[in-house]
Amino acid sequence: MIIRIDASSPVPPYAQVRDQIATMARSGVLASGTRLPAIRHLAADLGVAPNTVARAYRELESDGVVATHGRHGTVVANRPAATEAEQRAAVDGAAHSYAVEAAHRGLDLDQALDAVRAAFRGLGDGRSYT
């Protein structure tokens, strides 16, 4: 599981962690039952306070994305598969957020698309993205 914190983003770190885990869970990148890293371990990896990760996990649990089992850890909750319309809505929302962020940082459309292409190539899933 790869999570990145953008210190220059106006989005608080806990929300960045929450949103990235939620996206991975809803898209199937994190399958139901996948155990998430311990709060302290993830916090150390990200260079944030444990309370930052704890808040993200609490909000994910409140949203039904994860389930916490005390000392047995936090796992991705069993959820029905998202419909095609739900998946499309989630991607459209992410695309809008990215477009706003790219424009805010001064990228034009071609530069923003180049960044998306590079991100797809970085997925390392064996598919060709040109």
Protein backbone atom coordinates (compact mmCIF):
# COMPACT_ATOMS: atom_id res chain seq x y z
CA MET A 1 0.00 0.00 0.00
CA ILE A 2 1.52 3.28 -1.11
CA ILE A 3 0.34 6.48 0.53
CA ARG A 4 1.92 9.83 -0.11
CA ILE A 5 1.53 12.95 1.98
CA ASP A 6 1.84 16.27 0.17
CA ALA A 7 3.04 18.72 2.80
CA SER A 8 2.30 21.65 0.49
CA SER A 9 -1.34 20.61 0.02
CA PRO A 10 -4.07 22.58 1.80
CA VAL A 11 -5.68 19.19 2.60
CA PRO A 12 -4.72 18.09 6.13
CA PRO A 13 -2.51 14.98 6.34
CA TYR A 14 -5.20 12.88 8.09
CA ALA A 15 -7.60 13.64 5.22
CA GLN A 16 -4.97 12.73 2.63
CA VAL A 17 -4.43 9.36 4.36
CA ARG A 18 -8.19 8.80 4.70
CA ASP A 19 -8.94 9.70 1.09
CA GLN A 20 -6.15 7.57 -0.37
CA ILE A 21 -7.10 4.49 1.66
CA ALA A 22 -10.79 4.98 0.84
CA THR A 23 -10.00 5.25 -2.86
CA MET A 24 -7.86 2.10 -2.78
CA ALA A 25 -10.55 0.20 -0.87
CA ARG A 26 -13.40 1.31 -3.10
CA SER A 27 -11.46 0.65 -6.30
CA GLY A 28 -10.45 -2.85 -5.21
CA VAL A 29 -6.74 -2.09 -4.97
CA LEU A 30 -7.18 -3.04 -1.31
CA ALA A 31 -9.42 -6.11 -1.23
CA SER A 32 -11.94 -6.76 1.51
CA GLY A 33 -10.17 -8.25 4.49
CA THR A 34 -6.80 -6.68 3.70
CA ARG A 35 -5.10 -5.74 6.94
CA LEU A 36 -3.92 -2.14 7.14
CA PRO A 37 -0.60 -1.24 8.74
CA ALA A 38 -0.59 -0.56 12.47
CA ILE A 39 -1.16 3.10 13.28
CA ARG A 40 2.32 3.68 14.68
CA HIS A 41 4.00 1.85 11.82
CA LEU A 42 2.15 3.81 9.13
CA ALA A 43 2.70 7.08 11.00
CA ALA A 44 6.44 6.40 11.16
CA ASP A 45 6.55 5.50 7.45
CA LEU A 46 4.72 8.71 6.52
CA GLY A 47 6.55 10.94 8.98
CA VAL A 48 3.36 12.06 10.71
CA ALA A 49 2.05 11.82 14.25
CA PRO A 50 0.24 8.61 15.23
CA ASN A 51 -2.86 10.68 16.01
CA THR A 52 -2.95 11.72 12.34
CA VAL A 53 -3.26 8.10 11.18
CA ALA A 54 -5.59 7.25 14.09
CA ARG A 55 -7.98 10.00 13.01
CA ALA A 56 -7.91 8.79 9.41
CA TYR A 57 -8.65 5.22 10.55
CA ARG A 58 -11.51 6.42 12.82
CA GLU A 59 -13.12 8.32 9.97
CA LEU A 60 -12.70 5.37 7.62
CA GLU A 61 -14.36 3.14 10.19
CA SER A 62 -17.17 5.64 10.65
CA ASP A 63 -17.70 5.60 6.86
CA GLY A 64 -17.77 1.79 6.82
CA VAL A 65 -14.62 1.53 4.71
CA VAL A 66 -12.63 -0.34 7.36
CA ALA A 67 -13.36 -2.36 10.47
CA THR A 68 -11.17 -2.27 13.57
CA HIS A 69 -10.70 -5.42 15.59
CA GLY A 70 -8.77 -4.10 18.60
CA ARG A 71 -5.38 -5.76 18.86
CA HIS A 72 -6.11 -7.79 15.74
CA GLY A 73 -5.79 -4.65 13.63
CA THR A 74 -7.77 -2.72 11.11
CA VAL A 75 -8.98 -4.38 7.92
CA VAL A 76 -10.77 -3.27 4.79
CA ALA A 77 -14.46 -3.92 5.38
CA ASN A 78 -16.49 -6.31 3.30
CA ARG A 79 -18.39 -4.16 0.88
CA PRO A 80 -20.52 -4.96 -2.09
CA ALA A 81 -18.73 -4.29 -5.35
CA ALA A 82 -19.24 -0.78 -6.63
CA THR A 83 -21.49 -0.42 -9.63
CA GLU A 84 -20.06 0.87 -12.85
CA ALA A 85 -21.86 4.18 -12.24
CA GLU A 86 -20.35 4.45 -8.74
CA GLN A 87 -16.89 3.70 -10.07
CA ARG A 88 -17.29 6.28 -12.81
CA ALA A 89 -18.53 8.90 -10.33
CA ALA A 90 -15.53 8.25 -8.08
CA VAL A 91 -13.10 8.58 -11.00
CA ASP A 92 -14.85 11.73 -12.24
CA GLY A 93 -14.56 13.24 -8.77
CA ALA A 94 -10.88 12.36 -8.55
CA ALA A 95 -10.30 13.78 -12.03
CA HIS A 96 -11.97 17.04 -11.05
CA SER A 97 -9.85 17.29 -7.90
CA TYR A 98 -6.71 16.60 -9.91
CA ALA A 99 -7.64 19.17 -12.56
CA VAL A 100 -8.14 21.83 -9.89
CA GLU A 101 -4.83 20.94 -8.21
CA ALA A 102 -2.93 20.88 -11.53
CA ALA A 103 -4.38 24.23 -12.58
CA HIS A 104 -3.62 25.71 -9.16
CA ARG A 105 0.01 24.65 -9.57
CA GLY A 106 0.20 26.24 -13.03
CA LEU A 107 0.12 23.13 -15.22
CA ASP A 108 -1.58 23.29 -18.59
CA LEU A 109 -3.69 20.41 -19.93
CA ASP A 110 -0.80 18.70 -21.74
CA GLN A 111 1.42 18.83 -18.65
CA ALA A 112 -1.38 17.48 -16.47
CA LEU A 113 -2.05 14.62 -18.91
CA ASP A 114 1.68 13.83 -19.03
CA ALA A 115 1.65 13.51 -15.24
CA VAL A 116 -1.33 11.13 -15.40
CA ARG A 117 0.40 9.03 -18.07
CA ALA A 118 3.55 8.85 -15.96
CA ALA A 119 1.49 7.82 -12.92
CA PHE A 120 -0.16 5.03 -14.91
CA ARG A 121 3.23 3.80 -16.15
CA GLY A 122 4.40 3.81 -12.53
CA LEU A 123 1.65 1.40 -11.52
CA GLY A 124 3.84 -1.47 -12.71
CA ASP A 125 0.88 -3.68 -13.56
CA GLY A 126 2.37 -4.93 -16.80
CA ARG A 127 -0.08 -3.05 -19.02
CA SER A 128 1.06 -0.54 -21.60
CA TYR A 129 -0.05 3.05 -21.10
CA THR A 130 0.89 5.42 -23.88
